[in-house]
Every structure is written in structure tokens, then in C-alpha cells.
Amino acid sequence: MLITLANSQSNQRQVTNLVNRHRLNWSNQEICDLREMVGGHPYLVRVALYQVAKGRITLSR
């Protein structure tokens, strides 16, 4: 099931939480950039963070 959040601040907090769980030291701007790149799609955010954490991609790629 896909849940889309209408509240942008809640979504920001959730993504920030995921970034922290992946032990990434990202600024708020980097988190916003990621959300913008994937259109805020929860699955794509998760996959991107996993790939960055594993060193397979960087935010700039």
C-alpha cells in the first residue's frame, strides 16, 4: 500500500528520520534535493537512501 502524505512537514520529518537511520550526515538542503529528485515518492526515497548508504550512488548522480 502506498501512502501519500499531504503535509509536507511530516514528509520532511520522515525523510530526515530515514536519512539518520542510514547514518548519512545530510543537510536540510540535501534532503530537499532528494525529495525533489524523486518527486517525494516514498519508495524511491527509500531506494535512493539505501543506494547512497551502500556507496553505490551519490546525491549528485
N, C-alpha and C. Protein backbone atom coordinates (compact mmCIF):
# COMPACT_ATOMS: atom_id res chain seq x y z
N MET A 1 0.84 -1.16 0.00
CA MET A 1 0.00 0.00 0.00
C MET A 1 0.89 1.24 0.00
N LEU A 2 0.56 2.19 -0.83
CA LEU A 2 1.31 3.44 -0.91
C LEU A 2 0.53 4.53 -0.20
N ILE A 3 1.19 5.20 0.72
CA ILE A 3 0.56 6.29 1.45
C ILE A 3 1.23 7.58 1.05
N THR A 4 0.46 8.51 0.54
CA THR A 4 0.99 9.82 0.19
C THR A 4 0.57 10.81 1.26
N LEU A 5 1.55 11.52 1.78
CA LEU A 5 1.26 12.49 2.83
C LEU A 5 1.00 13.86 2.23
N ALA A 6 -0.05 14.47 2.68
CA ALA A 6 -0.39 15.81 2.21
C ALA A 6 0.45 16.86 2.92
N ASN A 7 0.84 16.58 4.14
CA ASN A 7 1.59 17.53 4.94
C ASN A 7 3.09 17.44 4.61
N SER A 8 3.60 18.46 3.98
CA SER A 8 4.99 18.48 3.56
C SER A 8 5.95 18.39 4.74
N GLN A 9 5.61 19.01 5.87
CA GLN A 9 6.49 18.98 7.04
C GLN A 9 6.60 17.57 7.60
N SER A 10 5.49 16.84 7.62
CA SER A 10 5.53 15.45 8.09
C SER A 10 6.42 14.63 7.18
N ASN A 11 6.28 14.81 5.88
CA ASN A 11 7.10 14.08 4.93
C ASN A 11 8.57 14.44 5.12
N GLN A 12 8.86 15.69 5.34
CA GLN A 12 10.24 16.13 5.58
C GLN A 12 10.80 15.43 6.82
N ARG A 13 10.02 15.36 7.87
CA ARG A 13 10.47 14.69 9.10
C ARG A 13 10.73 13.21 8.85
N GLN A 14 9.86 12.57 8.08
CA GLN A 14 10.03 11.15 7.80
C GLN A 14 11.31 10.90 6.99
N VAL A 15 11.55 11.74 6.00
CA VAL A 15 12.75 11.57 5.19
C VAL A 15 13.99 11.84 6.04
N THR A 16 13.94 12.86 6.88
CA THR A 16 15.05 13.15 7.78
C THR A 16 15.32 11.96 8.70
N ASN A 17 14.27 11.34 9.19
CA ASN A 17 14.40 10.16 10.03
C ASN A 17 15.09 9.03 9.26
N LEU A 18 14.68 8.81 8.02
CA LEU A 18 15.31 7.77 7.20
C LEU A 18 16.78 8.08 6.93
N VAL A 19 17.09 9.33 6.66
CA VAL A 19 18.48 9.74 6.43
C VAL A 19 19.31 9.41 7.67
N ASN A 20 18.79 9.72 8.83
CA ASN A 20 19.50 9.44 10.08
C ASN A 20 19.66 7.94 10.30
N ARG A 21 18.64 7.16 9.97
CA ARG A 21 18.71 5.71 10.14
C ARG A 21 19.76 5.08 9.23
N HIS A 22 20.00 5.73 8.08
CA HIS A 22 21.03 5.25 7.17
C HIS A 22 22.41 5.82 7.52
N ARG A 23 22.47 6.54 8.63
CA ARG A 23 23.72 7.12 9.13
C ARG A 23 24.38 8.06 8.12
N LEU A 24 23.53 8.83 7.45
CA LEU A 24 24.02 9.82 6.49
C LEU A 24 23.99 11.18 7.18
N ASN A 25 25.00 11.96 6.96
CA ASN A 25 25.09 13.29 7.57
C ASN A 25 24.72 14.32 6.51
N TRP A 26 23.43 14.48 6.30
CA TRP A 26 22.94 15.37 5.24
C TRP A 26 22.34 16.64 5.82
N SER A 27 22.48 17.71 5.06
CA SER A 27 21.85 18.98 5.42
C SER A 27 20.38 18.94 4.99
N ASN A 28 19.62 19.90 5.50
CA ASN A 28 18.21 20.01 5.09
C ASN A 28 18.10 20.23 3.58
N GLN A 29 19.05 20.96 3.02
CA GLN A 29 19.02 21.21 1.57
C GLN A 29 19.21 19.92 0.79
N GLU A 30 20.11 19.07 1.24
CA GLU A 30 20.33 17.79 0.56
C GLU A 30 19.08 16.91 0.63
N ILE A 31 18.41 16.94 1.77
CA ILE A 31 17.18 16.17 1.92
C ILE A 31 16.11 16.71 0.98
N CYS A 32 15.99 18.03 0.89
CA CYS A 32 15.02 18.64 -0.03
C CYS A 32 15.37 18.31 -1.48
N ASP A 33 16.66 18.30 -1.80
CA ASP A 33 17.09 17.96 -3.16
C ASP A 33 16.68 16.53 -3.52
N LEU A 34 16.88 15.61 -2.58
CA LEU A 34 16.49 14.22 -2.83
C LEU A 34 14.99 14.11 -3.04
N ARG A 35 14.23 14.74 -2.17
CA ARG A 35 12.76 14.69 -2.30
C ARG A 35 12.32 15.25 -3.64
N GLU A 36 12.96 16.32 -4.08
CA GLU A 36 12.62 16.92 -5.36
C GLU A 36 12.98 15.99 -6.52
N MET A 37 14.14 15.34 -6.43
CA MET A 37 14.59 14.43 -7.50
C MET A 37 13.63 13.28 -7.73
N VAL A 38 13.08 12.75 -6.64
CA VAL A 38 12.21 11.57 -6.77
C VAL A 38 10.73 11.93 -6.66
N GLY A 39 10.44 13.21 -6.66
CA GLY A 39 9.04 13.64 -6.61
C GLY A 39 8.36 13.31 -5.30
N GLY A 40 9.15 13.10 -4.24
CA GLY A 40 8.58 12.80 -2.93
C GLY A 40 8.04 11.38 -2.81
N HIS A 41 8.26 10.56 -3.82
CA HIS A 41 7.75 9.19 -3.82
C HIS A 41 8.44 8.38 -2.72
N PRO A 42 7.69 7.85 -1.75
CA PRO A 42 8.29 7.17 -0.60
C PRO A 42 9.21 6.00 -0.97
N TYR A 43 8.81 5.18 -1.91
CA TYR A 43 9.64 4.03 -2.29
C TYR A 43 10.95 4.49 -2.92
N LEU A 44 10.88 5.49 -3.79
CA LEU A 44 12.09 5.98 -4.44
C LEU A 44 13.03 6.66 -3.46
N VAL A 45 12.46 7.35 -2.48
CA VAL A 45 13.30 7.95 -1.42
C VAL A 45 14.05 6.84 -0.70
N ARG A 46 13.34 5.79 -0.35
CA ARG A 46 13.94 4.67 0.39
C ARG A 46 15.05 3.98 -0.42
N VAL A 47 14.77 3.73 -1.68
CA VAL A 47 15.76 3.06 -2.54
C VAL A 47 16.99 3.95 -2.71
N ALA A 48 16.78 5.23 -2.93
CA ALA A 48 17.90 6.15 -3.12
C ALA A 48 18.77 6.21 -1.87
N LEU A 49 18.15 6.30 -0.71
CA LEU A 49 18.92 6.35 0.54
C LEU A 49 19.70 5.06 0.76
N TYR A 50 19.11 3.94 0.45
CA TYR A 50 19.81 2.65 0.58
C TYR A 50 21.04 2.62 -0.33
N GLN A 51 20.86 3.06 -1.58
CA GLN A 51 21.97 3.04 -2.53
C GLN A 51 23.09 4.00 -2.12
N VAL A 52 22.73 5.17 -1.60
CA VAL A 52 23.74 6.11 -1.13
C VAL A 52 24.47 5.53 0.07
N ALA A 53 23.74 4.96 1.00
CA ALA A 53 24.34 4.38 2.21
C ALA A 53 25.31 3.25 1.86
N LYS A 54 25.01 2.50 0.81
CA LYS A 54 25.88 1.40 0.38
C LYS A 54 27.06 1.88 -0.47
N GLY A 55 27.06 3.19 -0.81
CA GLY A 55 28.16 3.75 -1.59
C GLY A 55 28.05 3.51 -3.08
N ARG A 56 26.88 3.08 -3.52
CA ARG A 56 26.69 2.77 -4.95
C ARG A 56 26.40 4.01 -5.78
N ILE A 57 25.79 5.00 -5.17
CA ILE A 57 25.49 6.27 -5.85
C ILE A 57 25.75 7.41 -4.89
N THR A 58 25.79 8.61 -5.42
CA THR A 58 25.86 9.81 -4.59
C THR A 58 24.65 10.67 -4.92
N LEU A 59 24.40 11.62 -4.08
CA LEU A 59 23.26 12.51 -4.30
C LEU A 59 23.40 13.27 -5.60
N SER A 60 24.62 13.59 -5.98
CA SER A 60 24.83 14.38 -7.20
C SER A 60 24.67 13.55 -8.48
N ARG A 61 24.65 12.24 -8.37
CA ARG A 61 24.49 11.40 -9.57
C ARG A 61 23.06 11.13 -9.85
